[in-house]
Amino acid sequence: MRPLVVAAHGTVSEAGRAVIEDCARRAADLVGAPWRVGYVDVCAPALADVLSEADDSVVVPLFLTSGYHVRYDVPAAVARARSAVVTPALGAGRAVVEALGARVREALGAPGHVGDHIDALVLASAGSSLASARAEVDEVAAMLAETERVPVSTAYLSGPGTDLTAACAAHREAGRSRLAVATHLLAPGVFLDRARRVAADCDVLGVGAELGTHPAVSTLVAARYTAARLTQAATRT
């Protein structure tokens, strides 16, 4: 069985690394494959080092958008590895939207559609210098708005674009006072801490937790792995 290598950003947070590794383990259990995690920034083990020890790997980028790391760092590491293949990032899939909605409902302590309980939702993303990556966040926001029947705007915790404080203020200026924040983040760390701190200052009703612990995310990682393995097998035959 080809190893599953989950490529992640990296974090100084031990809790964050534990979430990433647990997500990888659960995905590997679903497909019955050995697994490793390799990071492209901040912490070890580096993705390139992991791939040097894991021949014939399927690399799944555990990123919610195809920003700089997905477009440049992950392919560079895979290019130096023997027989490794790389899948698309998680992206704007229904699984991500499912996890976002579930986390907000948990934060509000309320069943049903999120729009039954609040006036508006802000989707808070880490941010990217690439406009194409920010467009992916907009796509997720549109899907979330349709699914949860609530106006959804986007905000960024770093880089270009509207920040979280401004996004909350814009909703209130439009007469939408009951707000919640969905964190478009996979694991605890600097950005999740920032989102919670700013959201508290903005007096929102709830802040969704990280997505990496939701079963839909590990299931999506497993699906990315399986699709790549089957495609590679068909190519070889």
Protein backbone atom coordinates (compact mmCIF):
# COMPACT_ATOMS: atom_id res chain seq x y z
CA MET A 1 0.00 0.00 0.00
CA ARG A 2 1.38 3.42 -0.96
CA PRO A 3 2.12 5.61 2.06
CA LEU A 4 -0.10 8.61 2.75
CA VAL A 5 1.99 11.71 3.39
CA VAL A 6 0.00 14.68 4.64
CA ALA A 7 1.69 17.97 3.79
CA ALA A 8 0.84 20.66 6.33
CA HIS A 9 1.88 24.24 6.99
CA GLY A 10 3.46 23.77 10.42
CA THR A 11 2.87 25.47 13.75
CA VAL A 12 4.62 26.13 17.04
CA SER A 13 1.47 24.91 18.80
CA GLU A 14 1.73 21.39 20.16
CA ALA A 15 -2.06 21.19 20.13
CA GLY A 16 -2.03 22.24 16.48
CA ARG A 17 0.46 19.55 15.51
CA ALA A 18 -1.58 16.97 17.42
CA VAL A 19 -4.70 17.89 15.45
CA ILE A 20 -2.87 17.60 12.12
CA GLU A 21 -1.33 14.27 13.03
CA ASP A 22 -4.63 12.88 14.31
CA CYS A 23 -6.35 13.96 11.09
CA ALA A 24 -3.67 12.15 9.07
CA ARG A 25 -3.97 9.04 11.22
CA ARG A 26 -7.75 8.90 10.85
CA ALA A 27 -7.50 9.33 7.08
CA ALA A 28 -4.88 6.58 6.87
CA ASP A 29 -7.07 4.27 8.95
CA LEU A 30 -9.89 4.79 6.44
CA VAL A 31 -7.73 3.64 3.51
CA GLY A 32 -5.50 1.16 5.36
CA ALA A 33 -2.25 2.92 4.51
CA PRO A 34 0.88 3.82 6.49
CA TRP A 35 1.12 7.56 7.09
CA ARG A 36 3.46 10.43 7.86
CA VAL A 37 3.12 14.19 8.23
CA GLY A 38 5.61 16.60 6.69
CA TYR A 39 5.61 20.36 7.23
CA VAL A 40 6.57 23.12 4.80
CA ASP A 41 7.23 25.83 7.41
CA VAL A 42 7.80 26.57 11.11
CA CYS A 43 8.41 23.06 12.47
CA ALA A 44 9.88 19.65 11.71
CA PRO A 45 9.85 17.14 10.15
CA ALA A 46 10.19 18.93 6.81
CA LEU A 47 8.10 17.55 3.97
CA ALA A 48 11.18 17.00 1.81
CA ASP A 49 12.82 14.94 4.58
CA VAL A 50 9.71 12.81 5.06
CA LEU A 51 9.47 12.14 1.33
CA SER A 52 13.12 11.09 1.19
CA GLU A 53 12.18 8.23 3.53
CA ALA A 54 8.78 7.36 2.05
CA ASP A 55 9.06 6.00 -1.48
CA ASP A 56 6.04 5.87 -3.78
CA SER A 57 3.98 8.20 -1.55
CA VAL A 58 0.67 9.90 -2.19
CA VAL A 59 0.99 13.46 -0.88
CA VAL A 60 -2.20 15.20 0.21
CA PRO A 61 -1.77 18.94 0.90
CA LEU A 62 -3.73 19.65 4.09
CA PHE A 63 -4.49 23.23 3.08
CA LEU A 64 -7.88 24.87 2.66
CA THR A 65 -6.78 26.95 -0.34
CA SER A 66 -4.13 26.64 -3.03
CA GLY A 67 -1.90 29.44 -1.82
CA TYR A 68 1.86 29.86 -2.07
CA HIS A 69 2.78 26.70 -0.14
CA VAL A 70 0.48 24.51 -2.25
CA ARG A 71 1.57 26.06 -5.54
CA TYR A 72 5.32 26.18 -4.87
CA ASP A 73 6.64 24.52 -1.69
CA VAL A 74 4.73 21.24 -1.89
CA PRO A 75 5.45 20.61 -5.61
CA ALA A 76 9.12 21.44 -5.07
CA ALA A 77 9.40 18.81 -2.33
CA VAL A 78 7.47 16.23 -4.37
CA ALA A 79 9.65 16.86 -7.44
CA ARG A 80 12.71 15.68 -5.50
CA ALA A 81 10.99 12.53 -4.25
CA ARG A 82 11.05 9.18 -6.01
CA SER A 83 7.68 8.11 -7.49
CA ALA A 84 5.62 10.43 -5.27
CA VAL A 85 2.38 11.95 -6.55
CA VAL A 86 0.51 14.95 -5.15
CA THR A 87 -3.23 15.55 -4.96
CA PRO A 88 -5.17 18.82 -4.99
CA ALA A 89 -5.52 20.70 -1.69
CA LEU A 90 -8.78 20.42 0.26
CA GLY A 91 -10.26 23.47 -1.45
CA ALA A 92 -13.89 24.54 -1.66
CA GLY A 93 -15.46 21.13 -1.25
CA ARG A 94 -18.74 20.23 0.36
CA ALA A 95 -16.84 18.43 3.12
CA VAL A 96 -15.22 21.70 4.19
CA VAL A 97 -18.58 23.49 4.17
CA GLU A 98 -20.09 20.66 6.20
CA ALA A 99 -17.35 20.96 8.82
CA LEU A 100 -17.69 24.77 8.98
CA GLY A 101 -21.42 24.62 9.56
CA ALA A 102 -21.09 21.94 12.21
CA ARG A 103 -18.47 23.89 14.12
CA VAL A 104 -20.60 27.06 14.17
CA ARG A 105 -23.68 25.13 15.34
CA GLU A 106 -21.55 23.65 18.14
CA ALA A 107 -20.35 27.13 19.13
CA LEU A 108 -23.91 28.45 19.20
CA GLY A 109 -25.25 25.36 20.95
CA ALA A 110 -28.11 25.31 18.47
CA PRO A 111 -29.38 22.73 15.95
CA GLY A 112 -30.77 23.40 12.50
CA HIS A 113 -29.49 25.91 10.01
CA VAL A 114 -27.08 28.52 11.33
CA GLY A 115 -29.32 31.20 9.82
CA ASP A 116 -32.08 30.21 12.23
CA HIS A 117 -30.04 31.65 15.11
CA ILE A 118 -27.94 34.55 13.84
CA ASP A 119 -28.20 37.43 11.36
CA ALA A 120 -24.84 36.99 9.66
CA LEU A 121 -21.68 34.91 9.67
CA VAL A 122 -18.08 35.92 9.04
CA LEU A 123 -15.75 33.34 7.50
CA ALA A 124 -12.31 34.09 8.96
CA SER A 125 -9.39 32.77 6.91
CA ALA A 126 -5.66 32.92 7.59
CA GLY A 127 -5.12 34.94 4.41
CA SER A 128 -2.98 34.71 1.29
CA SER A 129 -1.01 37.00 -0.96
CA LEU A 130 -2.54 35.18 -3.96
CA ALA A 131 -5.82 36.53 -5.28
CA SER A 132 -6.73 33.07 -6.58
CA ALA A 133 -6.49 31.64 -3.05
CA ARG A 134 -8.69 34.43 -1.67
CA ALA A 135 -11.19 33.67 -4.44
CA GLU A 136 -11.40 30.11 -3.10
CA VAL A 137 -12.37 31.52 0.30
CA ASP A 138 -15.10 33.58 -1.39
CA GLU A 139 -16.37 30.39 -3.03
CA VAL A 140 -16.54 28.62 0.33
CA ALA A 141 -18.39 31.62 1.81
CA ALA A 142 -20.98 31.47 -0.98
CA MET A 143 -21.50 27.73 -0.47
CA LEU A 144 -21.77 28.20 3.29
CA ALA A 145 -24.33 30.99 2.86
CA GLU A 146 -26.48 28.77 0.66
CA THR A 147 -26.21 25.74 2.93
CA GLU A 148 -26.77 27.53 6.24
CA ARG A 149 -29.24 30.14 4.93
CA VAL A 150 -27.39 33.13 6.32
CA PRO A 151 -25.41 36.05 4.84
CA VAL A 152 -21.69 35.19 4.93
CA SER A 153 -18.80 37.59 4.39
CA THR A 154 -15.09 36.83 4.32
CA ALA A 155 -12.35 38.22 6.54
CA TYR A 156 -8.61 37.65 6.71
CA LEU A 157 -6.37 37.32 9.73
CA SER A 158 -3.28 38.41 7.80
CA GLY A 159 -2.38 39.91 4.43
CA PRO A 160 -4.67 41.64 1.92
CA GLY A 161 -8.43 41.86 2.28
CA THR A 162 -10.99 42.86 4.90
CA ASP A 163 -9.97 42.08 8.46
CA LEU A 164 -12.28 40.47 11.01
CA THR A 165 -13.04 43.66 12.91
CA ALA A 166 -14.07 45.48 9.73
CA ALA A 167 -16.19 42.55 8.53
CA CYS A 168 -18.15 42.45 11.80
CA ALA A 169 -18.58 46.23 11.73
CA ALA A 170 -19.93 46.10 8.15
CA HIS A 171 -22.61 43.61 9.15
CA ARG A 172 -23.71 45.75 12.08
CA GLU A 173 -23.83 48.86 9.91
CA ALA A 174 -26.18 46.90 7.64
CA GLY A 175 -28.45 46.12 10.62
CA ARG A 176 -27.22 42.58 11.25
CA SER A 177 -26.32 42.55 14.94
CA ARG A 178 -26.37 38.84 15.88
CA LEU A 179 -23.06 37.60 14.49
CA ALA A 180 -20.92 34.48 14.62
CA VAL A 181 -17.50 33.61 13.21
CA ALA A 182 -16.60 30.46 11.29
CA THR A 183 -12.86 29.86 11.42
CA HIS A 184 -11.55 28.69 8.06
CA LEU A 185 -8.61 27.10 9.86
CA LEU A 186 -7.53 23.51 10.32
CA ALA A 187 -5.76 23.51 13.67
CA PRO A 188 -5.06 25.51 16.83
CA GLY A 189 -2.26 28.02 16.59
CA VAL A 190 -1.53 31.69 16.08
CA PHE A 191 -4.39 32.35 13.67
CA LEU A 192 -7.07 30.57 15.68
CA ASP A 193 -5.96 32.44 18.80
CA ARG A 194 -6.13 35.71 16.86
CA ALA A 195 -9.59 34.91 15.51
CA ARG A 196 -10.93 34.17 18.99
CA ARG A 197 -9.38 37.30 20.47
CA VAL A 198 -10.71 39.62 17.79
CA ALA A 199 -14.12 37.95 17.78
CA ALA A 200 -14.39 38.47 21.54
CA ASP A 201 -13.63 42.16 21.06
CA CYS A 202 -16.37 42.26 18.42
CA ASP A 203 -18.88 40.70 20.84
CA VAL A 204 -20.01 37.88 18.54
CA LEU A 205 -22.29 35.08 19.73
CA GLY A 206 -19.98 32.21 18.87
CA VAL A 207 -16.71 31.23 17.22
CA GLY A 208 -16.38 27.91 15.41
CA ALA A 209 -13.52 25.61 16.40
CA GLU A 210 -10.81 24.29 14.10
CA LEU A 211 -11.84 22.04 11.21
CA GLY A 212 -9.08 19.43 11.38
CA THR A 213 -10.84 17.48 14.12
CA HIS A 214 -14.05 17.11 12.11
CA PRO A 215 -14.56 13.67 10.50
CA ALA A 216 -15.49 15.25 7.15
CA VAL A 217 -11.95 16.59 6.78
CA SER A 218 -10.16 13.29 7.38
CA THR A 219 -12.67 11.61 5.08
CA LEU A 220 -11.81 14.17 2.37
CA VAL A 221 -8.08 13.48 2.86
CA ALA A 222 -8.79 9.77 2.44
CA ALA A 223 -10.81 10.46 -0.72
CA ARG A 224 -7.97 12.54 -2.18
CA TYR A 225 -5.54 9.68 -1.46
CA THR A 226 -7.79 7.02 -2.99
CA ALA A 227 -8.47 9.02 -6.16
CA ALA A 228 -4.75 9.64 -6.72
CA ARG A 229 -3.81 6.01 -6.09
CA LEU A 230 -6.46 4.71 -8.49
CA THR A 231 -5.48 7.23 -11.15
CA GLN A 232 -1.82 6.27 -10.84
CA ALA A 233 -2.66 2.58 -11.02
CA ALA A 234 -4.72 3.13 -14.17
CA THR A 235 -1.88 5.11 -15.73
CA ARG A 236 0.59 2.32 -15.04
CA THR A 237 -1.64 -0.25 -16.71
